[in-house]
Protein backbone atom coordinates (compact mmCIF):
# COMPACT_ATOMS: atom_id res chain seq x y z
CA ARG A 1 0.00 0.00 0.00
CA ARG A 2 2.82 2.36 0.64
CA GLN A 3 3.92 2.07 -2.98
CA SER A 4 0.45 3.19 -4.10
CA GLY A 5 0.74 6.36 -1.95
CA GLU A 6 4.19 7.14 -3.37
CA PHE A 7 2.82 6.57 -6.88
CA SER A 8 -0.07 8.99 -6.18
CA LEU A 9 2.33 11.60 -4.82
CA MET A 10 4.54 11.29 -7.91
CA ARG A 11 1.49 11.60 -10.19
CA TYR A 12 0.41 14.70 -8.27
CA LEU A 13 3.89 16.25 -8.54
CA LEU A 14 4.07 15.44 -12.26
CA PHE A 15 0.62 16.96 -12.82
CA PHE A 16 1.64 20.09 -10.84
CA ALA A 17 4.87 20.45 -12.87
CA LEU A 18 2.94 20.11 -16.15
CA MET A 19 0.41 22.74 -15.05
CA LEU A 20 3.20 25.19 -14.12
CA THR A 21 4.81 24.66 -17.51
CA ALA A 22 1.49 25.22 -19.29
CA VAL A 23 0.75 28.42 -17.35
CA ALA A 24 4.28 29.77 -17.93
CA GLY A 25 3.92 29.04 -21.64
CA CYS A 26 0.73 31.13 -21.81
CA GLN A 27 2.44 34.39 -20.86
CA PRO A 28 2.46 36.84 -23.79
CA ALA A 29 5.83 37.61 -25.29
CA PRO A 30 6.97 41.21 -24.91
CA PRO A 31 6.22 43.26 -28.04
CA GLN A 32 8.96 43.46 -30.68
CA THR A 33 9.86 47.15 -30.78
CA ILE A 34 11.95 49.05 -33.30
CA PRO A 35 14.36 51.66 -31.86
CA VAL A 36 13.29 55.23 -32.67
CA THR A 37 15.48 58.15 -31.63
CA GLY A 38 15.70 61.68 -32.87
CA LEU A 39 16.33 65.37 -32.54
CA VAL A 40 13.89 68.25 -32.24
CA THR A 41 14.95 71.82 -33.04
CA LEU A 42 12.97 75.03 -32.88
CA ASP A 43 14.22 77.77 -35.19
CA GLY A 44 17.52 75.89 -35.51
CA VAL A 45 18.09 75.57 -31.74
CA PRO A 46 17.70 72.29 -29.79
CA CYS A 47 14.20 72.13 -28.30
CA SER A 48 14.56 70.84 -24.74
CA ALA A 49 11.79 69.59 -22.44
CA ALA A 50 9.40 68.75 -25.29
CA ALA A 51 7.16 65.69 -25.50
CA VAL A 52 7.23 63.84 -28.83
CA THR A 53 4.06 61.73 -28.95
CA PHE A 54 3.48 58.96 -31.50
CA ILE A 55 -0.20 58.17 -32.08
CA PRO A 56 -0.95 54.99 -34.08
CA VAL A 57 -3.06 55.42 -37.21
CA GLY A 58 -4.74 52.93 -39.53
CA GLU A 59 -3.88 49.31 -38.82
CA THR A 60 -0.99 50.10 -36.46
CA GLN A 61 -1.14 48.01 -33.29
CA GLY A 62 -0.65 49.22 -29.71
CA ASN A 63 -1.12 52.45 -27.80
CA GLY A 64 1.66 54.44 -29.44
CA GLY A 65 4.55 55.95 -27.60
CA VAL A 66 6.30 59.03 -26.34
CA GLY A 67 9.79 60.45 -26.05
CA TYR A 68 11.00 63.48 -24.07
CA THR A 69 13.74 65.73 -25.35
CA ASP A 70 16.82 66.41 -23.28
CA ALA A 71 18.84 69.66 -23.14
CA GLU A 72 20.28 68.86 -26.59
CA GLY A 73 16.85 68.24 -28.13
CA LYS A 74 17.45 64.48 -28.37
CA PHE A 75 14.79 61.90 -27.56
CA THR A 76 14.26 58.15 -27.42
CA ALA A 77 10.74 56.87 -28.07
CA HIS A 78 9.19 54.42 -25.59
CA LEU A 79 5.97 52.48 -25.90
CA TYR A 80 3.16 54.05 -23.93
CA ASP A 81 2.35 51.61 -21.13
CA GLY A 82 -0.87 53.26 -19.99
CA GLN A 83 0.54 54.31 -16.62
CA THR A 84 4.03 55.76 -16.49
CA GLY A 85 4.27 56.52 -20.19
CA LYS A 86 7.66 54.88 -20.31
CA GLY A 87 7.36 51.29 -21.39
CA PRO A 88 9.97 49.42 -23.44
CA ALA A 89 12.20 51.54 -25.69
CA GLY A 90 11.10 51.76 -29.33
CA LEU A 91 7.82 51.63 -31.21
CA LEU A 92 5.82 48.88 -32.88
CA PRO A 93 6.05 48.80 -36.68
CA GLY A 94 3.37 50.90 -38.37
CA LYS A 95 2.24 54.43 -39.16
CA TYR A 96 2.02 57.21 -36.59
CA LYS A 97 0.80 60.77 -36.34
CA VAL A 98 3.42 62.82 -34.46
CA VAL A 99 2.52 65.57 -32.00
CA ILE A 100 5.32 67.65 -30.46
CA SER A 101 4.40 69.69 -27.42
CA LYS A 102 6.34 71.96 -25.07
CA TRP A 103 4.68 73.46 -22.01
CA GLN A 104 6.33 76.42 -20.33
CA ASN A 105 5.55 78.32 -17.12
CA PRO A 106 5.27 82.13 -17.16
CA ASP A 107 8.76 82.36 -15.63
CA GLY A 108 10.24 80.35 -18.55
CA THR A 109 10.73 77.08 -16.69
CA PRO A 110 9.39 73.85 -18.21
CA GLY A 111 5.89 72.77 -17.24
CA ASP A 112 5.58 69.80 -14.89
CA ARG A 113 4.70 66.65 -16.88
CA ASP A 114 2.92 65.21 -13.85
CA VAL A 115 0.44 68.09 -13.61
CA ALA A 116 -2.60 68.14 -15.89
CA PRO A 117 -2.58 71.16 -18.22
CA ILE A 118 -5.84 72.44 -16.75
CA ASP A 119 -4.24 72.47 -13.27
CA SER A 120 -1.03 74.15 -14.43
CA THR A 121 0.05 77.72 -15.08
CA ALA A 122 2.18 76.40 -17.96
CA ARG A 123 1.10 77.10 -21.54
CA GLU A 124 1.87 75.43 -24.86
CA ILE A 125 4.61 77.38 -26.66
CA LEU A 126 4.85 75.41 -29.91
CA PRO A 127 2.61 76.31 -32.84
CA PRO A 128 -0.54 74.20 -33.31
CA ALA A 129 0.94 72.90 -36.58
CA TYR A 130 3.11 70.66 -34.36
CA SER A 131 1.35 70.55 -30.99
CA ASP A 132 -2.31 70.05 -31.92
CA TYR A 133 -3.52 66.56 -32.84
CA GLU A 134 -6.00 67.92 -35.39
CA GLN A 135 -3.53 70.26 -37.10
CA THR A 136 -0.21 68.42 -37.12
CA LYS A 137 1.02 67.11 -40.45
CA LEU A 138 3.99 65.32 -38.88
CA GLN A 139 4.01 61.59 -39.57
CA LEU A 140 6.32 58.64 -39.04
CA GLU A 141 6.37 55.19 -40.56
CA VAL A 142 8.24 52.60 -38.52
CA GLY A 143 9.49 49.62 -40.50
CA LEU A 144 11.80 46.83 -39.37
CA ALA A 145 14.99 48.91 -39.07
CA SER A 146 15.82 51.44 -36.37
CA LEU A 147 15.07 55.07 -37.15
CA GLN A 148 16.71 58.37 -36.32
CA GLU A 149 14.31 61.24 -37.01
CA LYS A 150 14.90 64.97 -37.14
CA TYR A 151 12.05 67.40 -36.58
CA GLU A 152 12.99 70.99 -37.53
CA LEU A 153 10.20 73.17 -36.14
CA LYS A 154 9.62 76.86 -36.89
CA SER A 155 8.06 79.20 -34.35
CA GLY A 156 6.51 81.42 -37.00
CA LYS A 157 7.96 84.54 -35.36
């Protein structure tokens, strides 16, 4: 009788191991992103503290992405994860509408990204031709190779 109990225990352990393997195999693979980096200038000068937002259009999968420019106007796009805005680096292949926005406080300091525009004293300083979803003509098509984009904006002044 003892052998029967050991056999049942081994069957239980084997069943448990198979279930763990099956559950682990059901986890979705992380999305295959394509590196997208770039430079934003405004009237020939690096545009720091700007948000470069990539909004999927047509059949493009996912939620899009965003990159934030540094002091030299350089950015790296990251998938939008729905919470922090900084998921894995890169974008999914497809077509995107590009919106570039820069919020600035009355004293000239950058607007706080964590404060909703309606709750902030900061105002958009880029022309609507770049910063407004309805008016922007900026587009990007991400293929299978990494991209380095350059956006040369004009203030209109």
